[in-house]
Amino acid sequence: MFLNLNKKNMLRKIYVGLLLTFLTTKLVVFSLNHV
């Protein structure tokens, strides 16, 4: 039970991290294109 919850938390952290990386990359590319 606890292990399963921990795994879910880890997956969520990885997902959020990937999402943030993707968003920041998009933002950087967007600002570079508009300079």
PDB file of N, CA and C in Angstrom:
ATOM      1  N   MET A   1       0.838  -1.204   0.000  1.00  0.00           N
ATOM      2  CA  MET A   1       0.000   0.000   0.000  1.00  0.00           C
ATOM      3  C   MET A   1       0.871   1.252   0.000  1.00  0.00           C
ATOM      4  N   PHE A   2       1.768   1.316   0.990  1.00  0.00           N
ATOM      5  CA  PHE A   2       2.648   2.488   1.099  1.00  0.00           C
ATOM      6  C   PHE A   2       3.588   2.584  -0.096  1.00  0.00           C
ATOM      7  N   LEU A   3       4.101   1.429  -0.521  1.00  0.00           N
ATOM      8  CA  LEU A   3       5.024   1.387  -1.659  1.00  0.00           C
ATOM      9  C   LEU A   3       4.327   1.875  -2.924  1.00  0.00           C
ATOM     10  N   ASN A   4       3.074   1.458  -3.091  1.00  0.00           N
ATOM     11  CA  ASN A   4       2.294   1.856  -4.259  1.00  0.00           C
ATOM     12  C   ASN A   4       2.093   3.366  -4.263  1.00  0.00           C
ATOM     13  N   LEU A   5       1.778   3.926  -3.094  1.00  0.00           N
ATOM     14  CA  LEU A   5       1.574   5.372  -2.968  1.00  0.00           C
ATOM     15  C   LEU A   5       2.867   6.107  -3.302  1.00  0.00           C
ATOM     16  N   ASN A   6       3.999   5.568  -2.810  1.00  0.00           N
ATOM     17  CA  ASN A   6       5.295   6.176  -3.059  1.00  0.00           C
ATOM     18  C   ASN A   6       5.616   6.171  -4.544  1.00  0.00           C
ATOM     19  N   LYS A   7       5.284   5.068  -5.217  1.00  0.00           N
ATOM     20  CA  LYS A   7       5.546   4.954  -6.657  1.00  0.00           C
ATOM     21  C   LYS A   7       4.715   5.977  -7.421  1.00  0.00           C
ATOM     22  N   LYS A   8       3.464   6.151  -6.996  1.00  0.00           N
ATOM     23  CA  LYS A   8       2.596   7.130  -7.655  1.00  0.00           C
ATOM     24  C   LYS A   8       3.161   8.536  -7.496  1.00  0.00           C
ATOM     25  N   ASN A   9       3.649   8.846  -6.292  1.00  0.00           N
ATOM     26  CA  ASN A   9       4.236  10.161  -6.042  1.00  0.00           C
ATOM     27  C   ASN A   9       5.457  10.390  -6.918  1.00  0.00           C
ATOM     28  N   MET A  10       6.284   9.354  -7.057  1.00  0.00           N
ATOM     29  CA  MET A  10       7.492   9.456  -7.876  1.00  0.00           C
ATOM     30  C   MET A  10       7.122   9.705  -9.331  1.00  0.00           C
ATOM     31  N   LEU A  11       6.128   8.954  -9.821  1.00  0.00           N
ATOM     32  CA  LEU A  11       5.689   9.124 -11.205  1.00  0.00           C
ATOM     33  C   LEU A  11       5.151  10.527 -11.426  1.00  0.00           C
ATOM     34  N   ARG A  12       4.411  11.033 -10.435  1.00  0.00           N
ATOM     35  CA  ARG A  12       3.847  12.377 -10.561  1.00  0.00           C
ATOM     36  C   ARG A  12       4.966  13.411 -10.606  1.00  0.00           C
ATOM     37  N   LYS A  13       5.990  13.224  -9.771  1.00  0.00           N
ATOM     38  CA  LYS A  13       7.124  14.158  -9.766  1.00  0.00           C
ATOM     39  C   LYS A  13       7.824  14.157 -11.117  1.00  0.00           C
ATOM     40  N   ILE A  14       8.035  12.962 -11.671  1.00  0.00           N
ATOM     41  CA  ILE A  14       8.688  12.845 -12.980  1.00  0.00           C
ATOM     42  C   ILE A  14       7.843  13.515 -14.048  1.00  0.00           C
ATOM     43  N   TYR A  15       6.522  13.280 -13.985  1.00  0.00           N
ATOM     44  CA  TYR A  15       5.605  13.857 -14.973  1.00  0.00           C
ATOM     45  C   TYR A  15       5.621  15.375 -14.901  1.00  0.00           C
ATOM     46  N   VAL A  16       5.542  15.913 -13.682  1.00  0.00           N
ATOM     47  CA  VAL A  16       5.562  17.368 -13.500  1.00  0.00           C
ATOM     48  C   VAL A  16       6.891  17.945 -13.977  1.00  0.00           C
ATOM     49  N   GLY A  17       7.987  17.256 -13.674  1.00  0.00           N
ATOM     50  CA  GLY A  17       9.301  17.713 -14.109  1.00  0.00           C
ATOM     51  C   GLY A  17       9.414  17.767 -15.623  1.00  0.00           C
ATOM     52  N   LEU A  18       8.922  16.727 -16.280  1.00  0.00           N
ATOM     53  CA  LEU A  18       8.952  16.690 -17.746  1.00  0.00           C
ATOM     54  C   LEU A  18       8.083  17.788 -18.330  1.00  0.00           C
ATOM     55  N   LEU A  19       6.915  17.993 -17.725  1.00  0.00           N
ATOM     56  CA  LEU A  19       5.990  19.018 -18.204  1.00  0.00           C
ATOM     57  C   LEU A  19       6.624  20.398 -18.073  1.00  0.00           C
ATOM     58  N   LEU A  20       7.267  20.653 -16.931  1.00  0.00           N
ATOM     59  CA  LEU A  20       7.915  21.945 -16.713  1.00  0.00           C
ATOM     60  C   LEU A  20       9.056  22.152 -17.699  1.00  0.00           C
ATOM     61  N   THR A  21       9.852  21.116 -17.930  1.00  0.00           N
ATOM     62  CA  THR A  21      10.951  21.205 -18.890  1.00  0.00           C
ATOM     63  C   THR A  21      10.425  21.516 -20.280  1.00  0.00           C
ATOM     64  N   PHE A  22       9.350  20.823 -20.668  1.00  0.00           N
ATOM     65  CA  PHE A  22       8.732  21.025 -21.975  1.00  0.00           C
ATOM     66  C   PHE A  22       8.221  22.454 -22.115  1.00  0.00           C
ATOM     67  N   LEU A  23       7.552  22.944 -21.071  1.00  0.00           N
ATOM     68  CA  LEU A  23       6.989  24.295 -21.117  1.00  0.00           C
ATOM     69  C   LEU A  23       8.081  25.352 -21.185  1.00  0.00           C
ATOM     70  N   THR A  24       9.130  25.199 -20.390  1.00  0.00           N
ATOM     71  CA  THR A  24      10.211  26.189 -20.413  1.00  0.00           C
ATOM     72  C   THR A  24      10.927  26.173 -21.758  1.00  0.00           C
ATOM     73  N   THR A  25      11.123  24.983 -22.331  1.00  0.00           N
ATOM     74  CA  THR A  25      11.752  24.884 -23.650  1.00  0.00           C
ATOM     75  C   THR A  25      10.904  25.595 -24.691  1.00  0.00           C
ATOM     76  N   LYS A  26       9.595  25.370 -24.647  1.00  0.00           N
ATOM     77  CA  LYS A  26       8.687  26.028 -25.586  1.00  0.00           C
ATOM     78  C   LYS A  26       8.758  27.540 -25.424  1.00  0.00           C
ATOM     79  N   LEU A  27       8.801  27.984 -24.172  1.00  0.00           N
ATOM     80  CA  LEU A  27       8.852  29.416 -23.880  1.00  0.00           C
ATOM     81  C   LEU A  27      10.139  30.025 -24.425  1.00  0.00           C
ATOM     82  N   VAL A  28      11.263  29.349 -24.213  1.00  0.00           N
ATOM     83  CA  VAL A  28      12.555  29.843 -24.695  1.00  0.00           C
ATOM     84  C   VAL A  28      12.562  29.916 -26.217  1.00  0.00           C
ATOM     85  N   VAL A  29      12.080  28.867 -26.866  1.00  0.00           N
ATOM     86  CA  VAL A  29      12.024  28.842 -28.331  1.00  0.00           C
ATOM     87  C   VAL A  29      11.122  29.958 -28.835  1.00  0.00           C
ATOM     88  N   PHE A  30       9.993  30.153 -28.166  1.00  0.00           N
ATOM     89  CA  PHE A  30       9.046  31.200 -28.550  1.00  0.00           C
ATOM     90  C   PHE A  30       9.684  32.581 -28.453  1.00  0.00           C
ATOM     91  N   SER A  31      10.370  32.852 -27.333  1.00  0.00           N
ATOM     92  CA  SER A  31      10.991  34.170 -27.161  1.00  0.00           C
ATOM     93  C   SER A  31      12.151  34.358 -28.127  1.00  0.00           C
ATOM     94  N   LEU A  32      12.877  33.290 -28.435  1.00  0.00           N
ATOM     95  CA  LEU A  32      13.978  33.384 -29.394  1.00  0.00           C
ATOM     96  C   LEU A  32      13.446  33.702 -30.786  1.00  0.00           C
ATOM     97  N   ASN A  33      12.302  33.141 -31.128  1.00  0.00           N
ATOM     98  CA  ASN A  33      11.714  33.368 -32.443  1.00  0.00           C
ATOM     99  C   ASN A  33      11.195  34.786 -32.589  1.00  0.00           C
ATOM    100  N   HIS A  34      10.908  35.452 -31.468  1.00  0.00           N
ATOM    101  CA  HIS A  34      10.296  36.774 -31.540  1.00  0.00           C
ATOM    102  C   HIS A  34      11.267  37.894 -31.189  1.00  0.00           C
ATOM    103  N   VAL A  35      12.560  37.576 -31.236  1.00  0.00           N
ATOM    104  CA  VAL A  35      13.558  38.628 -30.954  1.00  0.00           C
ATOM    105  C   VAL A  35      13.906  39.331 -32.259  1.00  0.00           C
TER     106      VAL A  35
END
